[in-house]
Amino acid sequence: MSRAGYDPGWLRHRIRIERPVATPDGAGGESVAWESLATLWARIEPLEAREHVAADHLAETVSHRLIVRWRNDVAGGMRAVYRGRRFRILATHDPDESRRYLVLSTTEEKP
């Protein structure tokens, strides 16, 4: 992402970043709930859609790139929510090491 080619108007999707919070279930395990971390403007770019066989049935995977303004508290394992759609954050990186933008590599979670 070059500075000359970047338009802040691209950040037009309002997303919510959520982080997992584990709570003991009383039986020695834990349950995971999602806690809201931040609400941000983002650009959502679909990258790839593919089908594959998983557990003897056909499954699909849709990957997206989400671009937000720089934050240091977003990491893999969290998720982004946009209009009821959930995107599992796999990895994050700063595309030009300027701490201006953060790119989130995600896959869309199907209900």
PDB file of N, CA and C in Angstrom:
ATOM      1  N   MET A   1       0.855  -1.164   0.000  1.00  0.00           N
ATOM      2  CA  MET A   1       0.000   0.000   0.000  1.00  0.00           C
ATOM      3  C   MET A   1       0.899   1.223   0.000  1.00  0.00           C
ATOM      4  N   SER A   2       0.902   1.974  -1.060  1.00  0.00           N
ATOM      5  CA  SER A   2       1.752   3.151  -1.142  1.00  0.00           C
ATOM      6  C   SER A   2       1.011   4.354  -0.573  1.00  0.00           C
ATOM      7  N   ARG A   3       1.769   5.298  -0.074  1.00  0.00           N
ATOM      8  CA  ARG A   3       1.159   6.499   0.502  1.00  0.00           C
ATOM      9  C   ARG A   3       0.449   7.316  -0.565  1.00  0.00           C
ATOM     10  N   ALA A   4       1.032   7.393  -1.751  1.00  0.00           N
ATOM     11  CA  ALA A   4       0.439   8.197  -2.821  1.00  0.00           C
ATOM     12  C   ALA A   4      -0.885   7.600  -3.289  1.00  0.00           C
ATOM     13  N   GLY A   5      -1.024   6.290  -3.242  1.00  0.00           N
ATOM     14  CA  GLY A   5      -2.226   5.636  -3.733  1.00  0.00           C
ATOM     15  C   GLY A   5      -3.281   5.402  -2.675  1.00  0.00           C
ATOM     16  N   TYR A   6      -3.105   5.910  -1.476  1.00  0.00           N
ATOM     17  CA  TYR A   6      -4.039   5.656  -0.393  1.00  0.00           C
ATOM     18  C   TYR A   6      -5.064   6.781  -0.285  1.00  0.00           C
ATOM     19  N   ASP A   7      -6.312   6.408  -0.163  1.00  0.00           N
ATOM     20  CA  ASP A   7      -7.398   7.369  -0.007  1.00  0.00           C
ATOM     21  C   ASP A   7      -8.133   7.046   1.289  1.00  0.00           C
ATOM     22  N   PRO A   8      -8.103   7.931   2.295  1.00  0.00           N
ATOM     23  CA  PRO A   8      -8.794   7.644   3.558  1.00  0.00           C
ATOM     24  C   PRO A   8     -10.282   7.374   3.389  1.00  0.00           C
ATOM     25  N   GLY A   9     -10.872   7.799   2.275  1.00  0.00           N
ATOM     26  CA  GLY A   9     -12.281   7.523   2.012  1.00  0.00           C
ATOM     27  C   GLY A   9     -12.567   6.050   1.807  1.00  0.00           C
ATOM     28  N   TRP A  10     -11.517   5.250   1.601  1.00  0.00           N
ATOM     29  CA  TRP A  10     -11.683   3.804   1.458  1.00  0.00           C
ATOM     30  C   TRP A  10     -12.157   3.162   2.757  1.00  0.00           C
ATOM     31  N   LEU A  11     -11.863   3.785   3.886  1.00  0.00           N
ATOM     32  CA  LEU A  11     -12.271   3.236   5.182  1.00  0.00           C
ATOM     33  C   LEU A  11     -13.741   3.588   5.398  1.00  0.00           C
ATOM     34  N   ARG A  12     -14.629   2.813   4.768  1.00  0.00           N
ATOM     35  CA  ARG A  12     -16.053   3.155   4.787  1.00  0.00           C
ATOM     36  C   ARG A  12     -16.924   2.103   5.449  1.00  0.00           C
ATOM     37  N   HIS A  13     -16.332   1.039   5.963  1.00  0.00           N
ATOM     38  CA  HIS A  13     -17.084  -0.006   6.653  1.00  0.00           C
ATOM     39  C   HIS A  13     -16.846   0.135   8.154  1.00  0.00           C
ATOM     40  N   ARG A  14     -17.914   0.203   8.927  1.00  0.00           N
ATOM     41  CA  ARG A  14     -17.799   0.324  10.386  1.00  0.00           C
ATOM     42  C   ARG A  14     -17.764  -1.088  10.959  1.00  0.00           C
ATOM     43  N   ILE A  15     -16.625  -1.479  11.523  1.00  0.00           N
ATOM     44  CA  ILE A  15     -16.476  -2.816  12.078  1.00  0.00           C
ATOM     45  C   ILE A  15     -16.269  -2.737  13.589  1.00  0.00           C
ATOM     46  N   ARG A  16     -16.511  -3.867  14.230  1.00  0.00           N
ATOM     47  CA  ARG A  16     -16.267  -3.994  15.666  1.00  0.00           C
ATOM     48  C   ARG A  16     -15.216  -5.086  15.855  1.00  0.00           C
ATOM     49  N   ILE A  17     -14.171  -4.780  16.596  1.00  0.00           N
ATOM     50  CA  ILE A  17     -13.146  -5.765  16.924  1.00  0.00           C
ATOM     51  C   ILE A  17     -13.518  -6.385  18.264  1.00  0.00           C
ATOM     52  N   GLU A  18     -13.507  -7.712  18.320  1.00  0.00           N
ATOM     53  CA  GLU A  18     -13.833  -8.428  19.551  1.00  0.00           C
ATOM     54  C   GLU A  18     -12.681  -9.354  19.917  1.00  0.00           C
ATOM     55  N   ARG A  19     -12.478  -9.527  21.216  1.00  0.00           N
ATOM     56  CA  ARG A  19     -11.445 -10.445  21.691  1.00  0.00           C
ATOM     57  C   ARG A  19     -12.093 -11.540  22.534  1.00  0.00           C
ATOM     58  N   PRO A  20     -11.503 -12.739  22.505  1.00  0.00           N
ATOM     59  CA  PRO A  20     -12.081 -13.839  23.287  1.00  0.00           C
ATOM     60  C   PRO A  20     -11.759 -13.683  24.770  1.00  0.00           C
ATOM     61  N   VAL A  21     -12.733 -14.021  25.593  1.00  0.00           N
ATOM     62  CA  VAL A  21     -12.549 -14.004  27.039  1.00  0.00           C
ATOM     63  C   VAL A  21     -12.986 -15.366  27.559  1.00  0.00           C
ATOM     64  N   ALA A  22     -12.059 -16.073  28.170  1.00  0.00           N
ATOM     65  CA  ALA A  22     -12.354 -17.411  28.702  1.00  0.00           C
ATOM     66  C   ALA A  22     -12.842 -17.282  30.142  1.00  0.00           C
ATOM     67  N   THR A  23     -13.949 -17.985  30.456  1.00  0.00           N
ATOM     68  CA  THR A  23     -14.471 -18.010  31.817  1.00  0.00           C
ATOM     69  C   THR A  23     -14.622 -19.462  32.246  1.00  0.00           C
ATOM     70  N   PRO A  24     -14.247 -19.782  33.484  1.00  0.00           N
ATOM     71  CA  PRO A  24     -14.383 -21.156  33.959  1.00  0.00           C
ATOM     72  C   PRO A  24     -15.835 -21.602  33.930  1.00  0.00           C
ATOM     73  N   ASP A  25     -16.061 -22.860  33.545  1.00  0.00           N
ATOM     74  CA  ASP A  25     -17.435 -23.364  33.476  1.00  0.00           C
ATOM     75  C   ASP A  25     -17.831 -24.165  34.715  1.00  0.00           C
ATOM     76  N   GLY A  26     -16.949 -24.262  35.685  1.00  0.00           N
ATOM     77  CA  GLY A  26     -17.265 -24.971  36.923  1.00  0.00           C
ATOM     78  C   GLY A  26     -17.029 -26.458  36.858  1.00  0.00           C
ATOM     79  N   ALA A  27     -16.701 -26.984  35.694  1.00  0.00           N
ATOM     80  CA  ALA A  27     -16.454 -28.416  35.545  1.00  0.00           C
ATOM     81  C   ALA A  27     -15.006 -28.682  35.123  1.00  0.00           C
ATOM     82  N   GLY A  28     -14.141 -27.718  35.386  1.00  0.00           N
ATOM     83  CA  GLY A  28     -12.736 -27.890  35.027  1.00  0.00           C
ATOM     84  C   GLY A  28     -12.385 -27.378  33.644  1.00  0.00           C
ATOM     85  N   GLY A  29     -13.362 -26.951  32.883  1.00  0.00           N
ATOM     86  CA  GLY A  29     -13.115 -26.408  31.544  1.00  0.00           C
ATOM     87  C   GLY A  29     -13.394 -24.923  31.529  1.00  0.00           C
ATOM     88  N   GLU A  30     -13.567 -24.419  30.349  1.00  0.00           N
ATOM     89  CA  GLU A  30     -13.882 -23.010  30.222  1.00  0.00           C
ATOM     90  C   GLU A  30     -14.760 -22.775  29.003  1.00  0.00           C
ATOM     91  N   SER A  31     -15.502 -21.694  29.051  1.00  0.00           N
ATOM     92  CA  SER A  31     -16.298 -21.297  27.898  1.00  0.00           C
ATOM     93  C   SER A  31     -15.739 -19.961  27.397  1.00  0.00           C
ATOM     94  N   VAL A  32     -15.892 -19.739  26.113  1.00  0.00           N
ATOM     95  CA  VAL A  32     -15.349 -18.528  25.505  1.00  0.00           C
ATOM     96  C   VAL A  32     -16.487 -17.581  25.141  1.00  0.00           C
ATOM     97  N   ALA A  33     -16.368 -16.367  25.608  1.00  0.00           N
ATOM     98  CA  ALA A  33     -17.300 -15.301  25.247  1.00  0.00           C
ATOM     99  C   ALA A  33     -16.493 -14.249  24.496  1.00  0.00           C
ATOM    100  N   TRP A  34     -17.184 -13.396  23.760  1.00  0.00           N
ATOM    101  CA  TRP A  34     -16.505 -12.365  22.987  1.00  0.00           C
ATOM    102  C   TRP A  34     -16.796 -11.007  23.588  1.00  0.00           C
ATOM    103  N   GLU A  35     -15.727 -10.231  23.817  1.00  0.00           N
ATOM    104  CA  GLU A  35     -15.817  -8.907  24.423  1.00  0.00           C
ATOM    105  C   GLU A  35     -15.404  -7.861  23.387  1.00  0.00           C
ATOM    106  N   SER A  36     -16.180  -6.807  23.287  1.00  0.00           N
ATOM    107  CA  SER A  36     -15.883  -5.747  22.326  1.00  0.00           C
ATOM    108  C   SER A  36     -14.627  -4.989  22.753  1.00  0.00           C
ATOM    109  N   LEU A  37     -13.693  -4.829  21.812  1.00  0.00           N
ATOM    110  CA  LEU A  37     -12.449  -4.106  22.071  1.00  0.00           C
ATOM    111  C   LEU A  37     -12.526  -2.686  21.515  1.00  0.00           C
ATOM    112  N   ALA A  38     -13.002  -2.548  20.272  1.00  0.00           N
ATOM    113  CA  ALA A  38     -13.045  -1.229  19.625  1.00  0.00           C
ATOM    114  C   ALA A  38     -14.000  -1.264  18.448  1.00  0.00           C
ATOM    115  N   THR A  39     -14.484  -0.100  18.060  1.00  0.00           N
ATOM    116  CA  THR A  39     -15.270   0.062  16.841  1.00  0.00           C
ATOM    117  C   THR A  39     -14.455   0.971  15.930  1.00  0.00           C
ATOM    118  N   LEU A  40     -14.195   0.499  14.694  1.00  0.00           N
ATOM    119  CA  LEU A  40     -13.266   1.175  13.788  1.00  0.00           C
ATOM    120  C   LEU A  40     -13.847   1.310  12.391  1.00  0.00           C
ATOM    121  N   TRP A  41     -13.310   2.252  11.634  1.00  0.00           N
ATOM    122  CA  TRP A  41     -13.587   2.332  10.208  1.00  0.00           C
ATOM    123  C   TRP A  41     -12.580   1.450   9.500  1.00  0.00           C
ATOM    124  N   ALA A  42     -13.033   0.717   8.495  1.00  0.00           N
ATOM    125  CA  ALA A  42     -12.162  -0.237   7.808  1.00  0.00           C
ATOM    126  C   ALA A  42     -12.482  -0.303   6.324  1.00  0.00           C
ATOM    127  N   ARG A  43     -11.564  -0.851   5.589  1.00  0.00           N
ATOM    128  CA  ARG A  43     -11.788  -1.231   4.193  1.00  0.00           C
ATOM    129  C   ARG A  43     -11.825  -2.752   4.186  1.00  0.00           C
ATOM    130  N   ILE A  44     -12.833  -3.331   3.556  1.00  0.00           N
ATOM    131  CA  ILE A  44     -12.955  -4.780   3.471  1.00  0.00           C
ATOM    132  C   ILE A  44     -12.748  -5.178   2.020  1.00  0.00           C
ATOM    133  N   GLU A  45     -11.735  -6.011   1.783  1.00  0.00           N
ATOM    134  CA  GLU A  45     -11.410  -6.467   0.432  1.00  0.00           C
ATOM    135  C   GLU A  45     -11.523  -7.985   0.369  1.00  0.00           C
ATOM    136  N   PRO A  46     -12.483  -8.532  -0.377  1.00  0.00           N
ATOM    137  CA  PRO A  46     -12.533  -9.988  -0.567  1.00  0.00           C
ATOM    138  C   PRO A  46     -11.304 -10.422  -1.368  1.00  0.00           C
ATOM    139  N   LEU A  47     -10.689 -11.529  -0.973  1.00  0.00           N
ATOM    140  CA  LEU A  47      -9.494 -12.009  -1.654  1.00  0.00           C
ATOM    141  C   LEU A  47      -9.716 -13.309  -2.412  1.00  0.00           C
ATOM    142  N   GLU A  48     -10.292 -14.306  -1.727  1.00  0.00           N
ATOM    143  CA  GLU A  48     -10.377 -15.627  -2.332  1.00  0.00           C
ATOM    144  C   GLU A  48     -11.551 -16.392  -1.740  1.00  0.00           C
ATOM    145  N   ALA A  49     -12.207 -17.162  -2.574  1.00  0.00           N
ATOM    146  CA  ALA A  49     -13.247 -18.075  -2.123  1.00  0.00           C
ATOM    147  C   ALA A  49     -12.914 -19.436  -2.704  1.00  0.00           C
ATOM    148  N   ARG A  50     -12.944 -20.474  -1.865  1.00  0.00           N
ATOM    149  CA  ARG A  50     -12.647 -21.818  -2.363  1.00  0.00           C
ATOM    150  C   ARG A  50     -13.443 -22.846  -1.593  1.00  0.00           C
ATOM    151  N   GLU A  51     -13.636 -23.968  -2.232  1.00  0.00           N
ATOM    152  CA  GLU A  51     -14.329 -25.099  -1.612  1.00  0.00           C
ATOM    153  C   GLU A  51     -13.312 -26.185  -1.332  1.00  0.00           C
ATOM    154  N   HIS A  52     -13.559 -26.920  -0.256  1.00  0.00           N
ATOM    155  CA  HIS A  52     -12.702 -28.053   0.078  1.00  0.00           C
ATOM    156  C   HIS A  52     -13.516 -29.062   0.887  1.00  0.00           C
ATOM    157  N   VAL A  53     -13.014 -30.259   0.964  1.00  0.00           N
ATOM    158  CA  VAL A  53     -13.692 -31.309   1.717  1.00  0.00           C
ATOM    159  C   VAL A  53     -13.130 -31.323   3.131  1.00  0.00           C
ATOM    160  N   ALA A  54     -14.020 -31.233   4.100  1.00  0.00           N
ATOM    161  CA  ALA A  54     -13.641 -31.282   5.509  1.00  0.00           C
ATOM    162  C   ALA A  54     -14.649 -32.171   6.223  1.00  0.00           C
ATOM    163  N   ALA A  55     -14.160 -33.169   6.927  1.00  0.00           N
ATOM    164  CA  ALA A  55     -15.016 -34.105   7.661  1.00  0.00           C
ATOM    165  C   ALA A  55     -16.078 -34.713   6.751  1.00  0.00           C
ATOM    166  N   ASP A  56     -15.670 -35.127   5.579  1.00  0.00           N
ATOM    167  CA  ASP A  56     -16.542 -35.783   4.603  1.00  0.00           C
ATOM    168  C   ASP A  56     -17.706 -34.944   4.101  1.00  0.00           C
ATOM    169  N   HIS A  57     -17.569 -33.630   4.152  1.00  0.00           N
ATOM    170  CA  HIS A  57     -18.580 -32.779   3.521  1.00  0.00           C
ATOM    171  C   HIS A  57     -17.895 -31.574   2.892  1.00  0.00           C
ATOM    172  N   LEU A  58     -18.573 -30.974   1.952  1.00  0.00           N
ATOM    173  CA  LEU A  58     -18.023 -29.838   1.223  1.00  0.00           C
ATOM    174  C   LEU A  58     -18.124 -28.585   2.082  1.00  0.00           C
ATOM    175  N   ALA A  59     -16.998 -27.899   2.260  1.00  0.00           N
ATOM    176  CA  ALA A  59     -16.956 -26.667   3.040  1.00  0.00           C
ATOM    177  C   ALA A  59     -16.372 -25.558   2.172  1.00  0.00           C
ATOM    178  N   GLU A  60     -16.670 -24.344   2.521  1.00  0.00           N
ATOM    179  CA  GLU A  60     -16.113 -23.218   1.773  1.00  0.00           C
ATOM    180  C   GLU A  60     -15.339 -22.315   2.714  1.00  0.00           C
ATOM    181  N   THR A  61     -14.311 -21.684   2.166  1.00  0.00           N
ATOM    182  CA  THR A  61     -13.506 -20.727   2.904  1.00  0.00           C
ATOM    183  C   THR A  61     -13.446 -19.452   2.084  1.00  0.00           C
ATOM    184  N   VAL A  62     -13.758 -18.340   2.712  1.00  0.00           N
ATOM    185  CA  VAL A  62     -13.690 -17.048   2.058  1.00  0.00           C
ATOM    186  C   VAL A  62     -12.714 -16.192   2.853  1.00  0.00           C
ATOM    187  N   SER A  63     -11.668 -15.712   2.180  1.00  0.00           N
ATOM    188  CA  SER A  63     -10.681 -14.888   2.875  1.00  0.00           C
ATOM    189  C   SER A  63     -10.840 -13.428   2.474  1.00  0.00           C
ATOM    190  N   HIS A  64     -10.543 -12.551   3.414  1.00  0.00           N
ATOM    191  CA  HIS A  64     -10.657 -11.108   3.212  1.00  0.00           C
ATOM    192  C   HIS A  64      -9.434 -10.415   3.804  1.00  0.00           C
ATOM    193  N   ARG A  65      -9.198  -9.227   3.319  1.00  0.00           N
ATOM    194  CA  ARG A  65      -8.194  -8.331   3.901  1.00  0.00           C
ATOM    195  C   ARG A  65      -8.964  -7.140   4.438  1.00  0.00           C
ATOM    196  N   LEU A  66      -8.756  -6.823   5.707  1.00  0.00           N
ATOM    197  CA  LEU A  66      -9.368  -5.651   6.316  1.00  0.00           C
ATOM    198  C   LEU A  66      -8.250  -4.671   6.619  1.00  0.00           C
ATOM    199  N   ILE A  67      -8.449  -3.419   6.251  1.00  0.00           N
ATOM    200  CA  ILE A  67      -7.442  -2.390   6.495  1.00  0.00           C
ATOM    201  C   ILE A  67      -8.048  -1.362   7.440  1.00  0.00           C
ATOM    202  N   VAL A  68      -7.340  -1.087   8.536  1.00  0.00           N
ATOM    203  CA  VAL A  68      -7.780  -0.124   9.542  1.00  0.00           C
ATOM    204  C   VAL A  68      -6.617   0.817   9.854  1.00  0.00           C
ATOM    205  N   ARG A  69      -6.912   1.866  10.576  1.00  0.00           N
ATOM    206  CA  ARG A  69      -5.825   2.726  11.045  1.00  0.00           C
ATOM    207  C   ARG A  69      -5.035   1.965  12.103  1.00  0.00           C
ATOM    208  N   TRP A  70      -3.765   2.303  12.239  1.00  0.00           N
ATOM    209  CA  TRP A  70      -2.847   1.580  13.117  1.00  0.00           C
ATOM    210  C   TRP A  70      -3.370   1.482  14.545  1.00  0.00           C
ATOM    211  N   ARG A  71      -3.265   0.296  15.100  1.00  0.00           N
ATOM    212  CA  ARG A  71      -3.518   0.021  16.519  1.00  0.00           C
ATOM    213  C   ARG A  71      -2.528  -1.050  16.931  1.00  0.00           C
ATOM    214  N   ASN A  72      -2.092  -1.015  18.180  1.00  0.00           N
ATOM    215  CA  ASN A  72      -1.164  -2.053  18.633  1.00  0.00           C
ATOM    216  C   ASN A  72      -1.843  -3.099  19.505  1.00  0.00           C
ATOM    217  N   ASP A  73      -3.174  -3.042  19.628  1.00  0.00           N
ATOM    218  CA  ASP A  73      -3.874  -3.989  20.491  1.00  0.00           C
ATOM    219  C   ASP A  73      -4.746  -4.977  19.719  1.00  0.00           C
ATOM    220  N   VAL A  74      -4.557  -5.084  18.411  1.00  0.00           N
ATOM    221  CA  VAL A  74      -5.295  -6.052  17.598  1.00  0.00           C
ATOM    222  C   VAL A  74      -4.325  -7.154  17.191  1.00  0.00           C
ATOM    223  N   ALA A  75      -4.756  -8.414  17.354  1.00  0.00           N
ATOM    224  CA  ALA A  75      -3.859  -9.537  17.080  1.00  0.00           C
ATOM    225  C   ALA A  75      -4.645 -10.721  16.541  1.00  0.00           C
ATOM    226  N   GLY A  76      -3.908 -11.699  16.042  1.00  0.00           N
ATOM    227  CA  GLY A  76      -4.524 -12.947  15.606  1.00  0.00           C
ATOM    228  C   GLY A  76      -5.265 -13.594  16.763  1.00  0.00           C
ATOM    229  N   GLY A  77      -6.348 -14.290  16.453  1.00  0.00           N
ATOM    230  CA  GLY A  77      -7.165 -14.914  17.490  1.00  0.00           C
ATOM    231  C   GLY A  77      -8.378 -14.075  17.848  1.00  0.00           C
ATOM    232  N   MET A  78      -8.365 -12.821  17.463  1.00  0.00           N
ATOM    233  CA  MET A  78      -9.524 -11.963  17.681  1.00  0.00           C
ATOM    234  C   MET A  78     -10.454 -12.098  16.472  1.00  0.00           C
ATOM    235  N   ARG A  79     -11.535 -11.338  16.465  1.00  0.00           N
ATOM    236  CA  ARG A  79     -12.413 -11.349  15.300  1.00  0.00           C
ATOM    237  C   ARG A  79     -12.953  -9.949  15.047  1.00  0.00           C
ATOM    238  N   ALA A  80     -13.366  -9.722  13.805  1.00  0.00           N
ATOM    239  CA  ALA A  80     -14.015  -8.477  13.407  1.00  0.00           C
ATOM    240  C   ALA A  80     -15.445  -8.814  13.028  1.00  0.00           C
ATOM    241  N   VAL A  81     -16.369  -7.929  13.352  1.00  0.00           N
ATOM    242  CA  VAL A  81     -17.782  -8.132  13.040  1.00  0.00           C
ATOM    243  C   VAL A  81     -18.252  -6.951  12.190  1.00  0.00           C
ATOM    244  N   TYR A  82     -18.905  -7.280  11.072  1.00  0.00           N
ATOM    245  CA  TYR A  82     -19.455  -6.251  10.188  1.00  0.00           C
ATOM    246  C   TYR A  82     -20.836  -6.702   9.733  1.00  0.00           C
ATOM    247  N   ARG A  83     -21.863  -5.964  10.134  1.00  0.00           N
ATOM    248  CA  ARG A  83     -23.249  -6.260   9.761  1.00  0.00           C
ATOM    249  C   ARG A  83     -23.617  -7.725   9.970  1.00  0.00           C
ATOM    250  N   GLY A  84     -23.249  -8.263  11.116  1.00  0.00           N
ATOM    251  CA  GLY A  84     -23.585  -9.644  11.441  1.00  0.00           C
ATOM    252  C   GLY A  84     -22.611 -10.682  10.889  1.00  0.00           C
ATOM    253  N   ARG A  85     -21.725 -10.289   9.996  1.00  0.00           N
ATOM    254  CA  ARG A  85     -20.722 -11.209   9.463  1.00  0.00           C
ATOM    255  C   ARG A  85     -19.523 -11.201  10.406  1.00  0.00           C
ATOM    256  N   ARG A  86     -18.943 -12.374  10.617  1.00  0.00           N
ATOM    257  CA  ARG A  86     -17.797 -12.509  11.520  1.00  0.00           C
ATOM    258  C   ARG A  86     -16.555 -12.905  10.726  1.00  0.00           C
ATOM    259  N   PHE A  87     -15.462 -12.198  10.960  1.00  0.00           N
ATOM    260  CA  PHE A  87     -14.199 -12.452  10.297  1.00  0.00           C
ATOM    261  C   PHE A  87     -13.153 -12.823  11.346  1.00  0.00           C
ATOM    262  N   ARG A  88     -12.655 -14.046  11.273  1.00  0.00           N
ATOM    263  CA  ARG A  88     -11.616 -14.498  12.204  1.00  0.00           C
ATOM    264  C   ARG A  88     -10.292 -13.885  11.780  1.00  0.00           C
ATOM    265  N   ILE A  89      -9.623 -13.180  12.680  1.00  0.00           N
ATOM    266  CA  ILE A  89      -8.348 -12.545  12.370  1.00  0.00           C
ATOM    267  C   ILE A  89      -7.242 -13.581  12.527  1.00  0.00           C
ATOM    268  N   LEU A  90      -6.553 -13.865  11.423  1.00  0.00           N
ATOM    269  CA  LEU A  90      -5.479 -14.847  11.422  1.00  0.00           C
ATOM    270  C   LEU A  90      -4.130 -14.208  11.722  1.00  0.00           C
ATOM    271  N   ALA A  91      -3.887 -13.031  11.159  1.00  0.00           N
ATOM    272  CA  ALA A  91      -2.613 -12.340  11.341  1.00  0.00           C
ATOM    273  C   ALA A  91      -2.808 -10.861  11.080  1.00  0.00           C
ATOM    274  N   THR A  92      -1.890 -10.052  11.597  1.00  0.00           N
ATOM    275  CA  THR A  92      -1.910  -8.610  11.355  1.00  0.00           C
ATOM    276  C   THR A  92      -0.511  -8.167  10.949  1.00  0.00           C
ATOM    277  N   HIS A  93      -0.454  -7.119  10.136  1.00  0.00           N
ATOM    278  CA  HIS A  93       0.860  -6.543   9.823  1.00  0.00           C
ATOM    279  C   HIS A  93       0.724  -5.090   9.399  1.00  0.00           C
ATOM    280  N   ASP A  94       1.814  -4.358   9.560  1.00  0.00           N
ATOM    281  CA  ASP A  94       1.924  -2.962   9.153  1.00  0.00           C
ATOM    282  C   ASP A  94       2.527  -2.967   7.750  1.00  0.00           C
ATOM    283  N   PRO A  95       1.767  -2.597   6.708  1.00  0.00           N
ATOM    284  CA  PRO A  95       2.231  -2.799   5.339  1.00  0.00           C
ATOM    285  C   PRO A  95       3.480  -2.026   4.947  1.00  0.00           C
ATOM    286  N   ASP A  96       3.701  -0.858   5.531  1.00  0.00           N
ATOM    287  CA  ASP A  96       4.897  -0.104   5.162  1.00  0.00           C
ATOM    288  C   ASP A  96       5.713   0.337   6.375  1.00  0.00           C
ATOM    289  N   GLU A  97       5.474  -0.301   7.523  1.00  0.00           N
ATOM    290  CA  GLU A  97       6.197  -0.033   8.765  1.00  0.00           C
ATOM    291  C   GLU A  97       6.129   1.432   9.193  1.00  0.00           C
ATOM    292  N   SER A  98       5.037   2.107   8.844  1.00  0.00           N
ATOM    293  CA  SER A  98       4.905   3.518   9.206  1.00  0.00           C
ATOM    294  C   SER A  98       3.985   3.740  10.406  1.00  0.00           C
ATOM    295  N   ARG A  99       3.346   2.662  10.866  1.00  0.00           N
ATOM    296  CA  ARG A  99       2.377   2.740  11.963  1.00  0.00           C
ATOM    297  C   ARG A  99       1.206   3.661  11.617  1.00  0.00           C
ATOM    298  N   ARG A 100       0.838   3.656  10.328  1.00  0.00           N
ATOM    299  CA  ARG A 100      -0.325   4.431   9.899  1.00  0.00           C
ATOM    300  C   ARG A 100      -1.513   3.521   9.643  1.00  0.00           C
ATOM    301  N   TYR A 101      -1.273   2.322   9.147  1.00  0.00           N
ATOM    302  CA  TYR A 101      -2.340   1.378   8.816  1.00  0.00           C
ATOM    303  C   TYR A 101      -2.008   0.012   9.387  1.00  0.00           C
ATOM    304  N   LEU A 102      -3.038  -0.789   9.564  1.00  0.00           N
ATOM    305  CA  LEU A 102      -2.873  -2.162  10.008  1.00  0.00           C
ATOM    306  C   LEU A 102      -3.706  -3.032   9.079  1.00  0.00           C
ATOM    307  N   VAL A 103      -3.089  -4.056   8.526  1.00  0.00           N
ATOM    308  CA  VAL A 103      -3.777  -4.978   7.622  1.00  0.00           C
ATOM    309  C   VAL A 103      -4.098  -6.246   8.400  1.00  0.00           C
ATOM    310  N   LEU A 104      -5.366  -6.644   8.364  1.00  0.00           N
ATOM    311  CA  LEU A 104      -5.823  -7.853   9.053  1.00  0.00           C
ATOM    312  C   LEU A 104      -6.106  -8.914   8.010  1.00  0.00           C
ATOM    313  N   SER A 105      -5.421 -10.034   8.095  1.00  0.00           N
ATOM    314  CA  SER A 105      -5.705 -11.178   7.216  1.00  0.00           C
ATOM    315  C   SER A 105      -6.766 -12.014   7.921  1.00  0.00           C
ATOM    316  N   THR A 106      -7.904 -12.250   7.237  1.00  0.00           N
ATOM    317  CA  THR A 106      -9.030 -12.897   7.903  1.00  0.00           C
ATOM    318  C   THR A 106      -9.659 -13.983   7.030  1.00  0.00           C
ATOM    319  N   THR A 107     -10.424 -14.839   7.678  1.00  0.00           N
ATOM    320  CA  THR A 107     -11.339 -15.743   6.980  1.00  0.00           C
ATOM    321  C   THR A 107     -12.724 -15.505   7.569  1.00  0.00           C
ATOM    322  N   GLU A 108     -13.725 -15.567   6.723  1.00  0.00           N
ATOM    323  CA  GLU A 108     -15.088 -15.329   7.175  1.00  0.00           C
ATOM    324  C   GLU A 108     -15.630 -16.580   7.844  1.00  0.00           C
ATOM    325  N   GLU A 109     -16.183 -16.434   9.034  1.00  0.00           N
ATOM    326  CA  GLU A 109     -16.790 -17.541   9.755  1.00  0.00           C
ATOM    327  C   GLU A 109     -18.218 -17.711   9.284  1.00  0.00           C
ATOM    328  N   LYS A 110     -18.564 -18.919   8.899  1.00  0.00           N
ATOM    329  CA  LYS A 110     -19.934 -19.208   8.478  1.00  0.00           C
ATOM    330  C   LYS A 110     -20.713 -19.720   9.666  1.00  0.00           C
ATOM    331  N   PRO A 111     -22.002 -19.318   9.817  1.00  0.00           N
ATOM    332  CA  PRO A 111     -22.802 -19.786  10.955  1.00  0.00           C
ATOM    333  C   PRO A 111     -23.078 -21.268  10.903  1.00  0.00           C
TER     334      PRO A 111
END
